[in-house]
Each structure stands twice: as structure tokens, then as C-alpha cells.
Amino acid sequence: MSQSLSSSSHSGGIAAPVAIPIRALVPWAVCTVVLSLLLLYFVGAEQGATSLISGHAVHEYVHDGRHLLGFPCH
């Protein structure tokens, strides 16, 4: 029994890493950048003259996160 366990665990040495083509990563990178910029906008700039959404609902929702990240808001 120990012989079958040891032979299956050493079947080929170290496995080579799998190469991921750049074309497969580009959509994920673009999506990540767009979502990060949206988050940065809503946390850092969604107030006053640059506001896309009227009222103070978004500002109050991200208020503590704004202070935590060092953005001034008042």
C-alpha cells in the first residue's frame, strides 16, 4: 500500500507552469482597470460640480471610505 502511494506521488518531477496567452488576459485587465476607475471616481470625486448622480446619497454612502483613503470632503 505504501508502495503505490509513493510511486504515484513521484510520477514526473516538477510540473512546468502553463503559459497563458496575452490575448486571454487583455479582457480581464481592461475590466479590472474600468472597475477600478469607477470605484476611484465614486469614492474620490462624486461630489459637488463633478457629480453624476444628483443629491448626496453616494457621497454619504462612501463617506467613511473617503476618509479612510485620505480624500478630503469637507
Protein backbone atom coordinates (compact mmCIF):
# COMPACT_ATOMS: atom_id res chain seq x y z
CA MET A 1 0.00 0.00 0.00
CA SER A 2 2.80 2.44 0.80
CA GLN A 3 4.48 1.46 -2.43
CA SER A 4 1.51 2.59 -4.56
CA LEU A 5 1.29 5.90 -2.73
CA SER A 6 4.95 6.74 -3.18
CA SER A 7 5.07 5.77 -6.84
CA SER A 8 2.06 7.92 -7.76
CA SER A 9 3.37 10.98 -5.92
CA HIS A 10 6.72 10.97 -7.79
CA SER A 11 5.40 10.36 -11.28
CA GLY A 12 7.22 13.07 -13.18
CA GLY A 13 9.08 15.54 -11.04
CA ILE A 14 8.18 19.20 -11.03
CA ALA A 15 5.39 20.24 -13.38
CA ALA A 16 6.09 23.08 -15.80
CA PRO A 17 3.93 26.22 -15.48
CA VAL A 18 1.20 26.66 -18.04
CA ALA A 19 1.68 29.63 -20.40
CA ILE A 20 -1.35 31.92 -20.58
CA PRO A 21 -1.58 33.90 -23.83
CA ILE A 22 -1.75 37.69 -23.56
CA ARG A 23 -4.95 37.74 -25.62
CA ALA A 24 -6.68 35.81 -22.85
CA LEU A 25 -5.58 38.32 -20.20
CA VAL A 26 -6.45 41.55 -22.05
CA PRO A 27 -10.25 41.46 -21.40
CA TRP A 28 -9.68 40.78 -17.70
CA ALA A 29 -7.13 43.60 -17.46
CA VAL A 30 -9.45 46.07 -19.22
CA CYS A 31 -12.38 45.11 -16.99
CA THR A 32 -10.24 45.47 -13.87
CA VAL A 33 -9.00 48.91 -14.92
CA VAL A 34 -12.51 50.16 -15.76
CA LEU A 35 -13.99 48.92 -12.48
CA SER A 36 -11.07 50.38 -10.50
CA LEU A 37 -11.51 53.79 -12.16
CA LEU A 38 -15.25 53.73 -11.45
CA LEU A 39 -14.62 52.88 -7.83
CA LEU A 40 -11.99 55.61 -7.57
CA TYR A 41 -14.40 58.12 -9.08
CA PHE A 42 -17.26 57.27 -6.75
CA VAL A 43 -15.07 57.28 -3.66
CA GLY A 44 -12.87 60.22 -4.56
CA ALA A 45 -14.77 62.64 -6.78
CA GLU A 46 -18.53 62.04 -6.62
CA GLN A 47 -19.48 65.33 -5.00
CA GLY A 48 -20.22 68.89 -5.98
CA ALA A 49 -19.57 70.07 -9.55
CA THR A 50 -18.32 66.69 -10.81
CA SER A 51 -21.33 64.77 -9.52
CA LEU A 52 -23.02 62.41 -11.99
CA ILE A 53 -25.78 61.48 -9.56
CA SER A 54 -27.80 64.29 -8.00
CA GLY A 55 -28.14 64.50 -4.25
CA HIS A 56 -25.81 63.37 -1.50
CA ALA A 57 -26.70 59.66 -1.36
CA VAL A 58 -23.49 58.41 -2.99
CA HIS A 59 -21.36 60.86 -1.01
CA GLU A 60 -22.85 59.71 2.29
CA TYR A 61 -22.57 56.04 1.30
CA VAL A 62 -18.82 56.26 0.64
CA HIS A 63 -18.08 58.95 3.25
CA ASP A 64 -16.10 56.79 5.69
CA GLY A 65 -14.20 55.08 2.89
CA ARG A 66 -13.30 58.52 1.54
CA HIS A 67 -11.74 59.50 4.86
CA LEU A 68 -10.05 56.11 5.25
CA LEU A 69 -8.33 56.54 1.86
CA GLY A 70 -7.31 60.14 2.63
CA PHE A 71 -9.67 62.02 0.31
CA PRO A 72 -10.80 65.36 1.72
CA CYS A 73 -14.52 66.01 1.50
CA HIS A 74 -15.30 68.80 3.97
